PDB file of N, CA and C in Angstrom:
ATOM      1  N   UNK A   1     -27.932  -6.035 -18.703  1.00  0.00           N
ATOM      2  CA  UNK A   1     -27.023  -5.540 -17.681  1.00  0.00           C
ATOM      3  C   UNK A   1     -27.155  -4.022 -17.576  1.00  0.00           C
ATOM      4  N   UNK A   2     -27.005  -3.519 -16.385  1.00  0.00           N
ATOM      5  CA  UNK A   2     -26.981  -2.080 -16.152  1.00  0.00           C
ATOM      6  C   UNK A   2     -25.613  -1.527 -16.556  1.00  0.00           C
ATOM      7  N   UNK A   3     -25.561  -0.246 -16.865  1.00  0.00           N
ATOM      8  CA  UNK A   3     -24.294   0.361 -17.272  1.00  0.00           C
ATOM      9  C   UNK A   3     -23.212   0.208 -16.207  1.00  0.00           C
ATOM     10  N   UNK A   4     -23.588   0.331 -14.951  1.00  0.00           N
ATOM     11  CA  UNK A   4     -22.614   0.170 -13.871  1.00  0.00           C
ATOM     12  C   UNK A   4     -22.028  -1.235 -13.877  1.00  0.00           C
ATOM     13  N   UNK A   5     -22.873  -2.238 -14.058  1.00  0.00           N
ATOM     14  CA  UNK A   5     -22.405  -3.626 -14.102  1.00  0.00           C
ATOM     15  C   UNK A   5     -21.472  -3.856 -15.289  1.00  0.00           C
ATOM     16  N   UNK A   6     -21.809  -3.247 -16.417  1.00  0.00           N
ATOM     17  CA  UNK A   6     -20.980  -3.372 -17.612  1.00  0.00           C
ATOM     18  C   UNK A   6     -19.611  -2.760 -17.359  1.00  0.00           C
ATOM     19  N   UNK A   7     -19.594  -1.550 -16.809  1.00  0.00           N
ATOM     20  CA  UNK A   7     -18.321  -0.880 -16.541  1.00  0.00           C
ATOM     21  C   UNK A   7     -17.453  -1.671 -15.575  1.00  0.00           C
ATOM     22  N   UNK A   8     -18.059  -2.243 -14.547  1.00  0.00           N
ATOM     23  CA  UNK A   8     -17.310  -3.039 -13.567  1.00  0.00           C
ATOM     24  C   UNK A   8     -16.746  -4.292 -14.230  1.00  0.00           C
ATOM     25  N   UNK A   9     -17.568  -4.987 -15.024  1.00  0.00           N
ATOM     26  CA  UNK A   9     -17.121  -6.223 -15.670  1.00  0.00           C
ATOM     27  C   UNK A   9     -15.961  -5.961 -16.628  1.00  0.00           C
ATOM     28  N   UNK A  10     -16.061  -4.910 -17.429  1.00  0.00           N
ATOM     29  CA  UNK A  10     -14.984  -4.601 -18.369  1.00  0.00           C
ATOM     30  C   UNK A  10     -13.733  -4.156 -17.626  1.00  0.00           C
ATOM     31  N   UNK A  11     -13.900  -3.377 -16.578  1.00  0.00           N
ATOM     32  CA  UNK A  11     -12.749  -2.925 -15.790  1.00  0.00           C
ATOM     33  C   UNK A  11     -11.993  -4.120 -15.215  1.00  0.00           C
ATOM     34  N   UNK A  12     -12.711  -5.122 -14.746  1.00  0.00           N
ATOM     35  CA  UNK A  12     -12.067  -6.313 -14.195  1.00  0.00           C
ATOM     36  C   UNK A  12     -11.273  -7.046 -15.270  1.00  0.00           C
ATOM     37  N   UNK A  13     -11.843  -7.149 -16.485  1.00  0.00           N
ATOM     38  CA  UNK A  13     -11.121  -7.795 -17.585  1.00  0.00           C
ATOM     39  C   UNK A  13      -9.854  -7.010 -17.915  1.00  0.00           C
ATOM     40  N   UNK A  14      -9.935  -5.700 -17.782  1.00  0.00           N
ATOM     41  CA  UNK A  14      -8.801  -4.833 -18.133  1.00  0.00           C
ATOM     42  C   UNK A  14      -7.747  -4.743 -17.027  1.00  0.00           C
ATOM     43  N   UNK A  15      -7.956  -5.471 -15.943  1.00  0.00           N
ATOM     44  CA  UNK A  15      -6.921  -5.528 -14.921  1.00  0.00           C
ATOM     45  C   UNK A  15      -7.230  -4.812 -13.624  1.00  0.00           C
ATOM     46  N   UNK A  16      -8.339  -4.111 -13.557  1.00  0.00           N
ATOM     47  CA  UNK A  16      -8.730  -3.518 -12.280  1.00  0.00           C
ATOM     48  C   UNK A  16      -9.100  -4.672 -11.362  1.00  0.00           C
ATOM     49  N   UNK A  17      -8.746  -4.584 -10.119  1.00  0.00           N
ATOM     50  CA  UNK A  17      -9.066  -5.655  -9.177  1.00  0.00           C
ATOM     51  C   UNK A  17     -10.226  -5.249  -8.291  1.00  0.00           C
ATOM     52  N   UNK A  18     -10.910  -6.258  -7.751  1.00  0.00           N
ATOM     53  CA  UNK A  18     -12.047  -5.967  -6.877  1.00  0.00           C
ATOM     54  C   UNK A  18     -11.618  -5.170  -5.655  1.00  0.00           C
ATOM     55  N   UNK A  19     -10.499  -5.512  -5.111  1.00  0.00           N
ATOM     56  CA  UNK A  19      -9.966  -4.780  -3.965  1.00  0.00           C
ATOM     57  C   UNK A  19      -8.667  -4.122  -4.405  1.00  0.00           C
ATOM     58  N   UNK A  20      -8.756  -2.928  -4.898  1.00  0.00           N
ATOM     59  CA  UNK A  20      -7.581  -2.231  -5.393  1.00  0.00           C
ATOM     60  C   UNK A  20      -6.999  -1.403  -4.261  1.00  0.00           C
ATOM     61  N   UNK A  21      -5.973  -1.966  -3.636  1.00  0.00           N
ATOM     62  CA  UNK A  21      -5.400  -1.331  -2.451  1.00  0.00           C
ATOM     63  C   UNK A  21      -4.843   0.056  -2.749  1.00  0.00           C
ATOM     64  N   UNK A  22      -4.300   0.247  -3.923  1.00  0.00           N
ATOM     65  CA  UNK A  22      -3.716   1.547  -4.266  1.00  0.00           C
ATOM     66  C   UNK A  22      -4.783   2.635  -4.308  1.00  0.00           C
ATOM     67  N   UNK A  23      -5.974   2.261  -4.713  1.00  0.00           N
ATOM     68  CA  UNK A  23      -7.050   3.249  -4.795  1.00  0.00           C
ATOM     69  C   UNK A  23      -7.962   3.196  -3.573  1.00  0.00           C
ATOM     70  N   UNK A  24      -7.941   2.087  -2.870  1.00  0.00           N
ATOM     71  CA  UNK A  24      -8.701   1.962  -1.647  1.00  0.00           C
ATOM     72  C   UNK A  24     -10.202   1.847  -1.818  1.00  0.00           C
ATOM     73  N   UNK A  25     -10.646   1.207  -2.903  1.00  0.00           N
ATOM     74  CA  UNK A  25     -12.082   1.040  -3.063  1.00  0.00           C
ATOM     75  C   UNK A  25     -12.388  -0.287  -3.736  1.00  0.00           C
ATOM     76  N   UNK A  26     -13.632  -0.713  -3.606  1.00  0.00           N
ATOM     77  CA  UNK A  26     -14.125  -1.892  -4.283  1.00  0.00           C
ATOM     78  C   UNK A  26     -14.829  -1.431  -5.549  1.00  0.00           C
ATOM     79  N   UNK A  27     -14.584  -2.094  -6.662  1.00  0.00           N
ATOM     80  CA  UNK A  27     -15.123  -1.639  -7.939  1.00  0.00           C
ATOM     81  C   UNK A  27     -16.622  -1.410  -7.917  1.00  0.00           C
ATOM     82  N   UNK A  28     -17.369  -2.343  -7.382  1.00  0.00           N
ATOM     83  CA  UNK A  28     -18.818  -2.211  -7.401  1.00  0.00           C
ATOM     84  C   UNK A  28     -19.326  -1.137  -6.432  1.00  0.00           C
ATOM     85  N   UNK A  29     -18.525  -0.767  -5.441  1.00  0.00           N
ATOM     86  CA  UNK A  29     -18.944   0.265  -4.482  1.00  0.00           C
ATOM     87  C   UNK A  29     -18.751   1.670  -5.041  1.00  0.00           C
ATOM     88  N   UNK A  30     -17.710   1.849  -5.819  1.00  0.00           N
ATOM     89  CA  UNK A  30     -17.401   3.177  -6.333  1.00  0.00           C
ATOM     90  C   UNK A  30     -17.174   3.150  -7.840  1.00  0.00           C
ATOM     91  N   UNK A  31     -18.214   2.807  -8.610  1.00  0.00           N
ATOM     92  CA  UNK A  31     -18.036   2.694 -10.058  1.00  0.00           C
ATOM     93  C   UNK A  31     -17.720   4.023 -10.743  1.00  0.00           C
ATOM     94  N   UNK A  32     -17.948   5.123 -10.050  1.00  0.00           N
ATOM     95  CA  UNK A  32     -17.664   6.431 -10.658  1.00  0.00           C
ATOM     96  C   UNK A  32     -16.172   6.652 -10.902  1.00  0.00           C
ATOM     97  N   UNK A  33     -15.326   5.843 -10.274  1.00  0.00           N
ATOM     98  CA  UNK A  33     -13.888   5.960 -10.487  1.00  0.00           C
ATOM     99  C   UNK A  33     -13.416   5.161 -11.705  1.00  0.00           C
ATOM    100  N   UNK A  34     -14.302   4.363 -12.264  1.00  0.00           N
ATOM    101  CA  UNK A  34     -13.952   3.533 -13.410  1.00  0.00           C
ATOM    102  C   UNK A  34     -14.182   4.286 -14.714  1.00  0.00           C
ATOM    103  N   UNK A  35     -13.516   3.871 -15.775  1.00  0.00           N
ATOM    104  CA  UNK A  35     -13.824   4.455 -17.084  1.00  0.00           C
ATOM    105  C   UNK A  35     -15.277   4.165 -17.450  1.00  0.00           C
ATOM    106  N   UNK A  36     -15.885   5.051 -18.207  1.00  0.00           N
ATOM    107  CA  UNK A  36     -17.274   4.872 -18.635  1.00  0.00           C
ATOM    108  C   UNK A  36     -17.279   4.160 -19.986  1.00  0.00           C
ATOM    109  N   UNK A  37     -17.121   2.848 -19.945  1.00  0.00           N
ATOM    110  CA  UNK A  37     -17.029   2.065 -21.166  1.00  0.00           C
ATOM    111  C   UNK A  37     -18.309   2.129 -21.997  1.00  0.00           C
ATOM    112  N   UNK A  38     -19.436   2.335 -21.367  1.00  0.00           N
ATOM    113  CA  UNK A  38     -20.712   2.350 -22.084  1.00  0.00           C
ATOM    114  C   UNK A  38     -20.926   3.607 -22.917  1.00  0.00           C
ATOM    115  N   UNK A  39     -20.282   4.688 -22.565  1.00  0.00           N
ATOM    116  CA  UNK A  39     -20.525   5.960 -23.245  1.00  0.00           C
ATOM    117  C   UNK A  39     -19.274   6.602 -23.837  1.00  0.00           C
ATOM    118  N   UNK A  40     -18.126   6.005 -23.633  1.00  0.00           N
ATOM    119  CA  UNK A  40     -16.873   6.621 -24.069  1.00  0.00           C
ATOM    120  C   UNK A  40     -16.136   5.700 -25.043  1.00  0.00           C
ATOM    121  N   UNK A  41     -16.113   6.084 -26.317  1.00  0.00           N
ATOM    122  CA  UNK A  41     -15.437   5.271 -27.325  1.00  0.00           C
ATOM    123  C   UNK A  41     -13.945   5.133 -27.047  1.00  0.00           C
ATOM    124  N   UNK A  42     -13.343   6.159 -26.473  1.00  0.00           N
ATOM    125  CA  UNK A  42     -11.914   6.072 -26.138  1.00  0.00           C
ATOM    126  C   UNK A  42     -11.659   5.006 -25.082  1.00  0.00           C
ATOM    127  N   UNK A  43     -12.525   4.941 -24.092  1.00  0.00           N
ATOM    128  CA  UNK A  43     -12.381   3.923 -23.048  1.00  0.00           C
ATOM    129  C   UNK A  43     -12.552   2.529 -23.648  1.00  0.00           C
ATOM    130  N   UNK A  44     -13.519   2.363 -24.546  1.00  0.00           N
ATOM    131  CA  UNK A  44     -13.724   1.060 -25.179  1.00  0.00           C
ATOM    132  C   UNK A  44     -12.551   0.697 -26.079  1.00  0.00           C
ATOM    133  N   UNK A  45     -11.970   1.679 -26.715  1.00  0.00           N
ATOM    134  CA  UNK A  45     -10.795   1.420 -27.551  1.00  0.00           C
ATOM    135  C   UNK A  45      -9.664   0.832 -26.700  1.00  0.00           C
ATOM    136  N   UNK A  46      -9.462   1.390 -25.523  1.00  0.00           N
ATOM    137  CA  UNK A  46      -8.432   0.872 -24.622  1.00  0.00           C
ATOM    138  C   UNK A  46      -8.777  -0.542 -24.157  1.00  0.00           C
ATOM    139  N   UNK A  47     -10.047  -0.799 -23.881  1.00  0.00           N
ATOM    140  CA  UNK A  47     -10.470  -2.141 -23.462  1.00  0.00           C
ATOM    141  C   UNK A  47     -10.273  -3.142 -24.595  1.00  0.00           C
ATOM    142  N   UNK A  48     -10.574  -2.730 -25.803  1.00  0.00           N
ATOM    143  CA  UNK A  48     -10.427  -3.629 -26.954  1.00  0.00           C
ATOM    144  C   UNK A  48      -8.970  -4.035 -27.163  1.00  0.00           C
ATOM    145  N   UNK A  49      -8.047  -3.182 -26.783  1.00  0.00           N
ATOM    146  CA  UNK A  49      -6.630  -3.517 -26.895  1.00  0.00           C
ATOM    147  C   UNK A  49      -6.282  -4.721 -26.028  1.00  0.00           C
ATOM    148  N   UNK A  50      -6.979  -4.888 -24.914  1.00  0.00           N
ATOM    149  CA  UNK A  50      -6.728  -6.020 -24.021  1.00  0.00           C
ATOM    150  C   UNK A  50      -6.996  -7.323 -24.754  1.00  0.00           C
ATOM    151  N   UNK A  51      -8.106  -7.408 -25.465  1.00  0.00           N
ATOM    152  CA  UNK A  51      -8.419  -8.628 -26.212  1.00  0.00           C
ATOM    153  C   UNK A  51      -7.397  -8.834 -27.322  1.00  0.00           C
ATOM    154  N   UNK A  52      -7.042  -7.773 -27.999  1.00  0.00           N
ATOM    155  CA  UNK A  52      -6.095  -7.896 -29.114  1.00  0.00           C
ATOM    156  C   UNK A  52      -4.725  -8.373 -28.646  1.00  0.00           C
ATOM    157  N   UNK A  53      -4.316  -7.993 -27.442  1.00  0.00           N
ATOM    158  CA  UNK A  53      -3.014  -8.432 -26.917  1.00  0.00           C
ATOM    159  C   UNK A  53      -3.027  -9.907 -26.557  1.00  0.00           C
ATOM    160  N   UNK A  54      -4.145 -10.364 -26.051  1.00  0.00           N
ATOM    161  CA  UNK A  54      -4.231 -11.727 -25.536  1.00  0.00           C
ATOM    162  C   UNK A  54      -4.530 -12.747 -26.634  1.00  0.00           C
ATOM    163  N   UNK A  55      -5.473 -12.434 -27.517  1.00  0.00           N
ATOM    164  CA  UNK A  55      -5.903 -13.396 -28.526  1.00  0.00           C
ATOM    165  C   UNK A  55      -5.622 -12.882 -29.917  1.00  0.00           C
ATOM    166  N   UNK A  56      -5.156 -13.778 -30.742  1.00  0.00           N
ATOM    167  CA  UNK A  56      -4.972 -13.473 -32.151  1.00  0.00           C
ATOM    168  C   UNK A  56      -6.183 -14.020 -32.901  1.00  0.00           C
ATOM    169  N   UNK A  57      -6.598 -13.388 -33.971  1.00  0.00           N
ATOM    170  CA  UNK A  57      -7.740 -13.924 -34.729  1.00  0.00           C
ATOM    171  C   UNK A  57      -7.560 -15.382 -35.135  1.00  0.00           C
ATOM    172  N   UNK A  58      -6.333 -15.824 -35.368  1.00  0.00           N
ATOM    173  CA  UNK A  58      -6.100 -17.216 -35.759  1.00  0.00           C
ATOM    174  C   UNK A  58      -6.372 -18.192 -34.613  1.00  0.00           C
ATOM    175  N   UNK A  59      -6.387 -17.711 -33.382  1.00  0.00           N
ATOM    176  CA  UNK A  59      -6.629 -18.564 -32.222  1.00  0.00           C
ATOM    177  C   UNK A  59      -8.108 -18.689 -31.872  1.00  0.00           C
ATOM    178  N   UNK A  60      -8.951 -17.985 -32.567  1.00  0.00           N
ATOM    179  CA  UNK A  60     -10.341 -17.875 -32.130  1.00  0.00           C
ATOM    180  C   UNK A  60     -11.067 -19.205 -32.064  1.00  0.00           C
ATOM    181  N   UNK A  61     -10.872 -20.079 -33.045  1.00  0.00           N
ATOM    182  CA  UNK A  61     -11.626 -21.325 -33.043  1.00  0.00           C
ATOM    183  C   UNK A  61     -11.272 -22.201 -31.851  1.00  0.00           C
ATOM    184  N   UNK A  62     -10.012 -22.197 -31.430  1.00  0.00           N
ATOM    185  CA  UNK A  62      -9.626 -23.040 -30.302  1.00  0.00           C
ATOM    186  C   UNK A  62      -9.881 -22.377 -28.968  1.00  0.00           C
ATOM    187  N   UNK A  63      -9.853 -21.071 -28.899  1.00  0.00           N
ATOM    188  CA  UNK A  63     -10.015 -20.395 -27.610  1.00  0.00           C
ATOM    189  C   UNK A  63     -11.481 -20.269 -27.224  1.00  0.00           C
ATOM    190  N   UNK A  64     -12.245 -19.625 -28.057  1.00  0.00           N
ATOM    191  CA  UNK A  64     -13.651 -19.401 -27.694  1.00  0.00           C
ATOM    192  C   UNK A  64     -14.561 -19.587 -28.895  1.00  0.00           C
ATOM    193  N   UNK A  65     -14.320 -20.643 -29.639  1.00  0.00           N
ATOM    194  CA  UNK A  65     -15.134 -20.988 -30.793  1.00  0.00           C
ATOM    195  C   UNK A  65     -15.139 -19.818 -31.766  1.00  0.00           C
ATOM    196  N   UNK A  66     -16.295 -19.434 -32.251  1.00  0.00           N
ATOM    197  CA  UNK A  66     -16.343 -18.373 -33.249  1.00  0.00           C
ATOM    198  C   UNK A  66     -16.716 -17.017 -32.658  1.00  0.00           C
ATOM    199  N   UNK A  67     -16.855 -16.917 -31.369  1.00  0.00           N
ATOM    200  CA  UNK A  67     -17.277 -15.651 -30.764  1.00  0.00           C
ATOM    201  C   UNK A  67     -16.272 -14.538 -31.000  1.00  0.00           C
ATOM    202  N   UNK A  68     -15.009 -14.843 -30.835  1.00  0.00           N
ATOM    203  CA  UNK A  68     -13.987 -13.816 -31.026  1.00  0.00           C
ATOM    204  C   UNK A  68     -13.949 -13.389 -32.480  1.00  0.00           C
ATOM    205  N   UNK A  69     -14.140 -14.326 -33.384  1.00  0.00           N
ATOM    206  CA  UNK A  69     -14.149 -13.977 -34.802  1.00  0.00           C
ATOM    207  C   UNK A  69     -15.257 -12.960 -35.090  1.00  0.00           C
ATOM    208  N   UNK A  70     -16.430 -13.179 -34.515  1.00  0.00           N
ATOM    209  CA  UNK A  70     -17.533 -12.226 -34.693  1.00  0.00           C
ATOM    210  C   UNK A  70     -17.177 -10.878 -34.104  1.00  0.00           C
ATOM    211  N   UNK A  71     -16.494 -10.882 -32.963  1.00  0.00           N
ATOM    212  CA  UNK A  71     -16.096  -9.633 -32.327  1.00  0.00           C
ATOM    213  C   UNK A  71     -15.100  -8.878 -33.201  1.00  0.00           C
ATOM    214  N   UNK A  72     -14.135  -9.604 -33.768  1.00  0.00           N
ATOM    215  CA  UNK A  72     -13.154  -8.969 -34.649  1.00  0.00           C
ATOM    216  C   UNK A  72     -13.862  -8.362 -35.845  1.00  0.00           C
ATOM    217  N   UNK A  73     -14.858  -9.057 -36.384  1.00  0.00           N
ATOM    218  CA  UNK A  73     -15.612  -8.498 -37.500  1.00  0.00           C
ATOM    219  C   UNK A  73     -16.317  -7.219 -37.080  1.00  0.00           C
ATOM    220  N   UNK A  74     -16.879  -7.202 -35.886  1.00  0.00           N
ATOM    221  CA  UNK A  74     -17.531  -5.985 -35.396  1.00  0.00           C
ATOM    222  C   UNK A  74     -16.539  -4.838 -35.351  1.00  0.00           C
ATOM    223  N   UNK A  75     -15.362  -5.085 -34.838  1.00  0.00           N
ATOM    224  CA  UNK A  75     -14.367  -4.021 -34.703  1.00  0.00           C
ATOM    225  C   UNK A  75     -13.899  -3.484 -36.046  1.00  0.00           C
ATOM    226  N   UNK A  76     -13.693  -4.372 -36.996  1.00  0.00           N
ATOM    227  CA  UNK A  76     -13.098  -3.939 -38.253  1.00  0.00           C
ATOM    228  C   UNK A  76     -14.109  -3.541 -39.317  1.00  0.00           C
ATOM    229  N   UNK A  77     -15.328  -4.026 -39.237  1.00  0.00           N
ATOM    230  CA  UNK A  77     -16.294  -3.722 -40.281  1.00  0.00           C
ATOM    231  C   UNK A  77     -17.435  -2.835 -39.820  1.00  0.00           C
ATOM    232  N   UNK A  78     -17.745  -2.860 -38.576  1.00  0.00           N
ATOM    233  CA  UNK A  78     -18.843  -2.041 -38.055  1.00  0.00           C
ATOM    234  C   UNK A  78     -18.267  -0.836 -37.341  1.00  0.00           C
ATOM    235  N   UNK A  79     -17.670   0.050 -38.079  1.00  0.00           N
ATOM    236  CA  UNK A  79     -16.976   1.172 -37.463  1.00  0.00           C
ATOM    237  C   UNK A  79     -17.918   2.187 -36.842  1.00  0.00           C
ATOM    238  N   UNK A  80     -19.203   2.052 -37.114  1.00  0.00           N
ATOM    239  CA  UNK A  80     -20.167   2.983 -36.548  1.00  0.00           C
ATOM    240  C   UNK A  80     -20.771   2.494 -35.240  1.00  0.00           C
ATOM    241  N   UNK A  81     -20.278   1.405 -34.687  1.00  0.00           N
ATOM    242  CA  UNK A  81     -20.822   0.878 -33.444  1.00  0.00           C
ATOM    243  C   UNK A  81     -20.606   1.871 -32.316  1.00  0.00           C
ATOM    244  N   UNK A  82     -21.614   2.039 -31.500  1.00  0.00           N
ATOM    245  CA  UNK A  82     -21.509   2.942 -30.353  1.00  0.00           C
ATOM    246  C   UNK A  82     -20.657   2.296 -29.270  1.00  0.00           C
ATOM    247  N   UNK A  83     -20.279   3.081 -28.291  1.00  0.00           N
ATOM    248  CA  UNK A  83     -19.498   2.552 -27.171  1.00  0.00           C
ATOM    249  C   UNK A  83     -20.289   1.457 -26.451  1.00  0.00           C
ATOM    250  N   UNK A  84     -21.589   1.667 -26.272  1.00  0.00           N
ATOM    251  CA  UNK A  84     -22.411   0.665 -25.596  1.00  0.00           C
ATOM    252  C   UNK A  84     -22.453  -0.639 -26.391  1.00  0.00           C
ATOM    253  N   UNK A  85     -22.614  -0.537 -27.715  1.00  0.00           N
ATOM    254  CA  UNK A  85     -22.646  -1.733 -28.551  1.00  0.00           C
ATOM    255  C   UNK A  85     -21.314  -2.472 -28.482  1.00  0.00           C
ATOM    256  N   UNK A  86     -20.219  -1.735 -28.455  1.00  0.00           N
ATOM    257  CA  UNK A  86     -18.907  -2.359 -28.350  1.00  0.00           C
ATOM    258  C   UNK A  86     -18.718  -3.011 -26.974  1.00  0.00           C
ATOM    259  N   UNK A  87     -19.218  -2.347 -25.935  1.00  0.00           N
ATOM    260  CA  UNK A  87     -19.121  -2.915 -24.587  1.00  0.00           C
ATOM    261  C   UNK A  87     -19.909  -4.220 -24.505  1.00  0.00           C
ATOM    262  N   UNK A  88     -21.095  -4.230 -25.091  1.00  0.00           N
ATOM    263  CA  UNK A  88     -21.911  -5.444 -25.097  1.00  0.00           C
ATOM    264  C   UNK A  88     -21.209  -6.557 -25.873  1.00  0.00           C
ATOM    265  N   UNK A  89     -20.684  -6.248 -27.044  1.00  0.00           N
ATOM    266  CA  UNK A  89     -19.975  -7.251 -27.844  1.00  0.00           C
ATOM    267  C   UNK A  89     -18.747  -7.775 -27.099  1.00  0.00           C
ATOM    268  N   UNK A  90     -18.043  -6.872 -26.424  1.00  0.00           N
ATOM    269  CA  UNK A  90     -16.853  -7.236 -25.651  1.00  0.00           C
ATOM    270  C   UNK A  90     -17.208  -8.281 -24.600  1.00  0.00           C
ATOM    271  N   UNK A  91     -18.252  -8.008 -23.822  1.00  0.00           N
ATOM    272  CA  UNK A  91     -18.636  -8.926 -22.741  1.00  0.00           C
ATOM    273  C   UNK A  91     -19.238 -10.216 -23.279  1.00  0.00           C
ATOM    274  N   UNK A  92     -19.990 -10.136 -24.375  1.00  0.00           N
ATOM    275  CA  UNK A  92     -20.546 -11.356 -24.964  1.00  0.00           C
ATOM    276  C   UNK A  92     -19.439 -12.240 -25.519  1.00  0.00           C
ATOM    277  N   UNK A  93     -18.413 -11.634 -26.077  1.00  0.00           N
ATOM    278  CA  UNK A  93     -17.270 -12.385 -26.592  1.00  0.00           C
ATOM    279  C   UNK A  93     -16.624 -13.202 -25.485  1.00  0.00           C
ATOM    280  N   UNK A  94     -16.549 -12.620 -24.305  1.00  0.00           N
ATOM    281  CA  UNK A  94     -15.906 -13.275 -23.167  1.00  0.00           C
ATOM    282  C   UNK A  94     -16.886 -14.081 -22.315  1.00  0.00           C
ATOM    283  N   UNK A  95     -18.123 -14.203 -22.785  1.00  0.00           N
ATOM    284  CA  UNK A  95     -19.184 -14.917 -22.061  1.00  0.00           C
ATOM    285  C   UNK A  95     -19.439 -14.327 -20.676  1.00  0.00           C
ATOM    286  N   UNK A  96     -19.328 -13.021 -20.574  1.00  0.00           N
ATOM    287  CA  UNK A  96     -19.564 -12.332 -19.303  1.00  0.00           C
ATOM    288  C   UNK A  96     -20.862 -11.539 -19.290  1.00  0.00           C
ATOM    289  N   UNK A  97     -21.573 -11.523 -20.392  1.00  0.00           N
ATOM    290  CA  UNK A  97     -22.816 -10.769 -20.500  1.00  0.00           C
ATOM    291  C   UNK A  97     -23.927 -11.536 -19.820  1.00  0.00           C
ATOM    292  N   UNK A  98     -24.721 -10.851 -18.996  1.00  0.00           N
ATOM    293  CA  UNK A  98     -25.902 -11.463 -18.383  1.00  0.00           C
ATOM    294  C   UNK A  98     -27.113 -10.614 -18.710  1.00  0.00           C
ATOM    295  N   UNK A  99     -28.232 -11.283 -18.918  1.00  0.00           N
ATOM    296  CA  UNK A  99     -29.466 -10.552 -19.245  1.00  0.00           C
ATOM    297  C   UNK A  99     -30.243 -10.206 -18.009  1.00  0.00           C
TER     298      UNK A  99
END
């Protein structure tokens, strides 16, 4: 995936809508208005909070098999992961990553 596609996909998961009337743009048309999840650890930290609010580690086996468990391990044990690596793991966890 291209960085723009990654940023758009994560933004949508985080609640940005394709047609955001308040901002007056379509996400894929104006990706420069979105957070740079691929290069900004702070932006990825905010995105990761979305998963943490929705899913608990104990729910992982029933919700999305073991993918979320692997993602939680990445967050808690691989503290040196770059923003891009975290963005990729985030989208793969949600089965939104495309090659």
